[in-house]
Structure formats: structure tokens, C-alpha cells
């Protein structure tokens, strides 16, 4: 990865972490996060040192991710903000690492689902407690019935950034 791509990829990671925090607190992900990630991808594509072939190689897989996650949204299994965020971040994952990224998101999402199922069992016992425990074990029905997949997506993006799997693949050509 060149310096510009590294800086832009770091910015994508920061945006994903901010989206994860928002998702944890409100069970919503603002559209601005996904839009900013796509705009950063377009900036990298236009001014980065990558060929058109390298840049376009990530668009098809990202569209496939969008199609699959949109179906999950339609089935009520995934939130709209999650669909947009995972699709936008898929633009940033090198094609050879997209499956690893999605598996990481699914694994972390599965762990989150287990934690939130446990929370459903523990929440009634936490009524009347003070501090963090009271906030975390809220009785808000939307919070009890949803998983903040923004956190799983952010962990996946962070993992891909850590192993250098963000940005178009240099093997697809530079230009």
C-alpha cells in the first residue's frame, strides 16, 4: 500500500469504529459513514497509484456483498445501516481477502449474538442496578432485540487493515 492509500485506509478504519460506537449506543448507523467510505474509495481510485483494472476488481464483489446483505435486510436479519456499511467497506478490501473479511464479520457477529442472548437472560436480574450495568442491561425493546453488527464490521475492517488487505490489490496492476 502506498502512503496515500494507507492514510485513507486508516480513515476508513476510524469511520468504522465511529459507526460501531454509534451502533452500540443507538442501534443506528448514520448514512454519512457509508457515504464517506465510498467517497474515500473514489478519491483513492482517482488519485492513487492503482490501475483501472485494480480499482474495478473490487467493485463487482462489493456489489455482490450488497445484494446478499440486502436480501438479509429484506428477511429482517440485518439492518439497513449494516448493509450500507459492509457494502461500502467491501470496496476497500482486496479481492483475495474479501471472504476472510466476511468470515471475520460473521464470527464476531455470532459472538455478539451470543452475548446479547445472554444479556436477555441477565437483564431482568439487573433491574434497579446503578451505573454501567443499568445502562448496558436496558429494557429498551429495540436494543434487546437487535445486534450491533456495526461493531462486527469494524472489527473485520480493523483486522483487514492490520494485515494490509485494504486498497486495490497491487497484483492487479498499478498504473
Protein backbone atom coordinates (compact mmCIF):
# COMPACT_ATOMS: atom_id res chain seq x y z
CA UNK A 1 0.00 0.00 0.00
CA UNK A 2 1.30 3.45 -0.84
CA UNK A 3 1.22 6.29 1.70
CA UNK A 4 -2.00 7.84 0.40
CA UNK A 5 -3.85 4.53 0.47
CA UNK A 6 -2.55 3.84 3.99
CA UNK A 7 -3.83 7.20 5.20
CA UNK A 8 -7.20 6.76 3.50
CA UNK A 9 -7.50 3.17 4.81
CA UNK A 10 -6.75 4.40 8.34
CA UNK A 11 -9.52 6.98 7.89
CA UNK A 12 -11.91 4.19 6.82
CA UNK A 13 -10.99 2.25 9.97
CA UNK A 14 -11.67 5.33 12.11
CA UNK A 15 -15.04 5.88 10.39
CA UNK A 16 -15.98 2.24 11.00
CA UNK A 17 -15.04 2.50 14.67
CA UNK A 18 -17.15 5.65 14.99
CA UNK A 19 -20.06 3.87 13.24
CA UNK A 20 -19.65 0.94 15.65
CA UNK A 21 -19.86 3.25 18.65
CA UNK A 22 -22.98 4.89 17.24
CA UNK A 23 -24.49 1.45 16.56
CA UNK A 24 -23.75 0.29 20.10
CA UNK A 25 -25.36 3.36 21.61
CA UNK A 26 -28.36 3.84 19.33
CA UNK A 27 -28.72 0.72 17.12
CA UNK A 28 -28.41 3.01 14.11
CA UNK A 29 -25.60 3.75 11.69
CA UNK A 30 -25.75 7.15 10.03
CA UNK A 31 -25.63 7.10 6.23
CA UNK A 32 -22.77 9.60 6.38
CA UNK A 33 -20.33 6.91 7.47
CA UNK A 34 -21.01 4.74 4.41
CA UNK A 35 -21.07 7.73 2.07
CA UNK A 36 -17.73 8.96 3.42
CA UNK A 37 -16.18 5.50 2.96
CA UNK A 38 -17.36 5.36 -0.66
CA UNK A 39 -16.11 8.92 -1.30
CA UNK A 40 -12.70 7.97 0.14
CA UNK A 41 -12.66 4.94 -2.17
CA UNK A 42 -13.41 7.16 -5.15
CA UNK A 43 -10.66 9.59 -4.10
CA UNK A 44 -8.18 6.74 -3.78
CA UNK A 45 -9.26 5.37 -7.16
CA UNK A 46 -8.84 8.75 -8.86
CA UNK A 47 -5.56 9.90 -7.33
CA UNK A 48 -3.98 6.68 -6.08
CA UNK A 49 -1.30 4.75 -7.97
CA UNK A 50 -3.61 1.91 -8.97
CA UNK A 51 -4.70 0.87 -12.46
CA UNK A 52 -8.29 0.97 -13.56
CA UNK A 53 -8.28 -2.86 -13.56
CA UNK A 54 -7.13 -2.95 -9.93
CA UNK A 55 -9.80 -0.49 -8.86
CA UNK A 56 -12.65 -2.09 -10.79
CA UNK A 57 -11.71 -5.56 -9.49
CA UNK A 58 -13.24 -4.67 -6.12
CA UNK A 59 -16.49 -3.18 -7.42
CA UNK A 60 -18.13 -6.44 -8.56
CA UNK A 61 -17.51 -8.28 -5.28
CA UNK A 62 -18.74 -5.25 -3.31
CA UNK A 63 -21.95 -5.23 -5.37
CA UNK A 64 -22.38 -8.94 -4.60
CA UNK A 65 -21.94 -8.20 -0.89
CA UNK A 66 -24.60 -5.51 -1.23
CA UNK A 67 -27.01 -7.91 -2.99
CA UNK A 68 -26.59 -10.63 -0.36
CA UNK A 69 -26.86 -8.29 2.62
CA UNK A 70 -29.84 -6.51 1.05
CA UNK A 71 -31.57 -9.91 0.96
CA UNK A 72 -30.68 -10.36 4.63
CA UNK A 73 -32.21 -6.95 5.31
CA UNK A 74 -35.35 -7.94 3.41
CA UNK A 75 -35.57 -11.06 5.59
CA UNK A 76 -35.22 -8.92 8.71
CA UNK A 77 -31.86 -10.40 9.66
CA UNK A 78 -29.67 -7.36 9.01
CA UNK A 79 -30.17 -3.64 9.49
CA UNK A 80 -30.13 -1.12 6.66
CA UNK A 81 -27.14 0.71 8.12
CA UNK A 82 -25.28 -2.59 8.38
CA UNK A 83 -25.98 -3.34 4.71
CA UNK A 84 -24.61 0.03 3.62
CA UNK A 85 -21.58 -0.09 5.91
CA UNK A 86 -20.45 -3.63 4.99
CA UNK A 87 -21.01 -2.89 1.29
CA UNK A 88 -19.04 0.36 1.42
CA UNK A 89 -16.19 -1.22 3.36
CA UNK A 90 -16.11 -4.15 0.91
CA UNK A 91 -14.83 -1.68 -1.67
CA UNK A 92 -11.73 -1.31 0.47
CA UNK A 93 -10.91 -5.00 0.94
CA UNK A 94 -8.54 -6.59 -1.56
CA UNK A 95 -10.39 -9.21 -3.62
CA UNK A 96 -8.26 -12.04 -2.23
CA UNK A 97 -9.21 -11.12 1.34
CA UNK A 98 -12.93 -10.38 0.95
CA UNK A 99 -14.01 -13.83 2.09
CA UNK A 100 -11.73 -13.59 5.14
CA UNK A 101 -13.24 -10.18 5.92
CA UNK A 102 -16.80 -11.51 5.66
CA UNK A 103 -15.97 -14.57 7.78
CA UNK A 104 -14.44 -12.31 10.43
CA UNK A 105 -17.59 -10.16 10.43
CA UNK A 106 -19.78 -13.26 10.70
CA UNK A 107 -17.72 -14.75 13.54
CA UNK A 108 -17.66 -11.53 15.54
CA UNK A 109 -21.36 -11.06 14.81
CA UNK A 110 -22.02 -14.57 16.11
CA UNK A 111 -20.15 -13.83 19.32
CA UNK A 112 -22.13 -10.60 19.68
CA UNK A 113 -25.36 -12.53 19.16
CA UNK A 114 -24.38 -14.92 21.96
CA UNK A 115 -23.50 -12.03 24.25
CA UNK A 116 -26.82 -10.33 23.54
CA UNK A 117 -28.74 -13.57 24.06
CA UNK A 118 -27.03 -13.89 27.42
CA UNK A 119 -27.97 -10.30 28.09
CA UNK A 120 -31.63 -11.18 27.57
CA UNK A 121 -31.34 -13.76 30.33
CA UNK A 122 -29.45 -11.45 32.69
CA UNK A 123 -31.37 -8.21 32.03
CA UNK A 124 -34.31 -8.98 34.33
CA UNK A 125 -31.88 -9.61 37.19
CA UNK A 126 -30.18 -6.23 36.64
CA UNK A 127 -33.31 -4.10 37.14
CA UNK A 128 -32.67 -1.42 39.70
CA UNK A 129 -28.87 -1.64 39.46
CA UNK A 130 -26.86 1.54 39.06
CA UNK A 131 -24.09 2.72 36.75
CA UNK A 132 -22.81 0.91 33.68
CA UNK A 133 -24.71 -2.30 34.36
CA UNK A 134 -28.03 -0.45 34.32
CA UNK A 135 -27.19 1.26 31.00
CA UNK A 136 -25.94 -1.94 29.37
CA UNK A 137 -28.89 -4.02 30.52
CA UNK A 138 -31.50 -1.54 29.37
CA UNK A 139 -35.07 -2.69 28.88
CA UNK A 140 -35.40 -0.77 25.61
CA UNK A 141 -37.02 -3.35 23.32
CA UNK A 142 -35.11 -2.30 20.18
CA UNK A 143 -31.79 -2.66 22.00
CA UNK A 144 -32.80 -6.02 23.41
CA UNK A 145 -33.87 -7.41 20.03
CA UNK A 146 -31.02 -6.23 17.79
CA UNK A 147 -27.34 -6.98 17.36
CA UNK A 148 -24.98 -4.04 16.72
CA UNK A 149 -23.36 -5.52 13.60
CA UNK A 150 -21.53 -2.22 13.09
CA UNK A 151 -19.13 -3.46 15.76
CA UNK A 152 -18.54 -6.74 13.90
CA UNK A 153 -17.95 -4.84 10.66
CA UNK A 154 -15.49 -2.50 12.38
CA UNK A 155 -13.57 -5.46 13.85
CA UNK A 156 -13.40 -7.04 10.38
CA UNK A 157 -12.14 -3.81 8.82
CA UNK A 158 -9.61 -3.37 11.61
CA UNK A 159 -8.34 -6.93 11.05
CA UNK A 160 -8.01 -6.36 7.29
CA UNK A 161 -6.21 -3.06 7.85
CA UNK A 162 -3.86 -4.75 10.31
CA UNK A 163 -2.82 -7.41 7.76
CA UNK A 164 -2.53 -4.89 4.91
CA UNK A 165 -5.55 -6.16 2.97
CA UNK A 166 -7.13 -2.78 2.26
CA UNK A 167 -6.98 -0.96 -1.05
CA UNK A 168 -6.82 -2.39 -4.56
CA UNK A 169 -4.51 -5.34 -4.98
CA UNK A 170 -1.14 -4.33 -6.35
CA UNK A 171 -1.05 -7.67 -8.20
CA UNK A 172 -3.99 -6.50 -10.31
CA UNK A 173 -1.68 -3.86 -11.75
CA UNK A 174 -0.52 -0.38 -10.97
CA UNK A 175 -0.72 2.50 -13.22
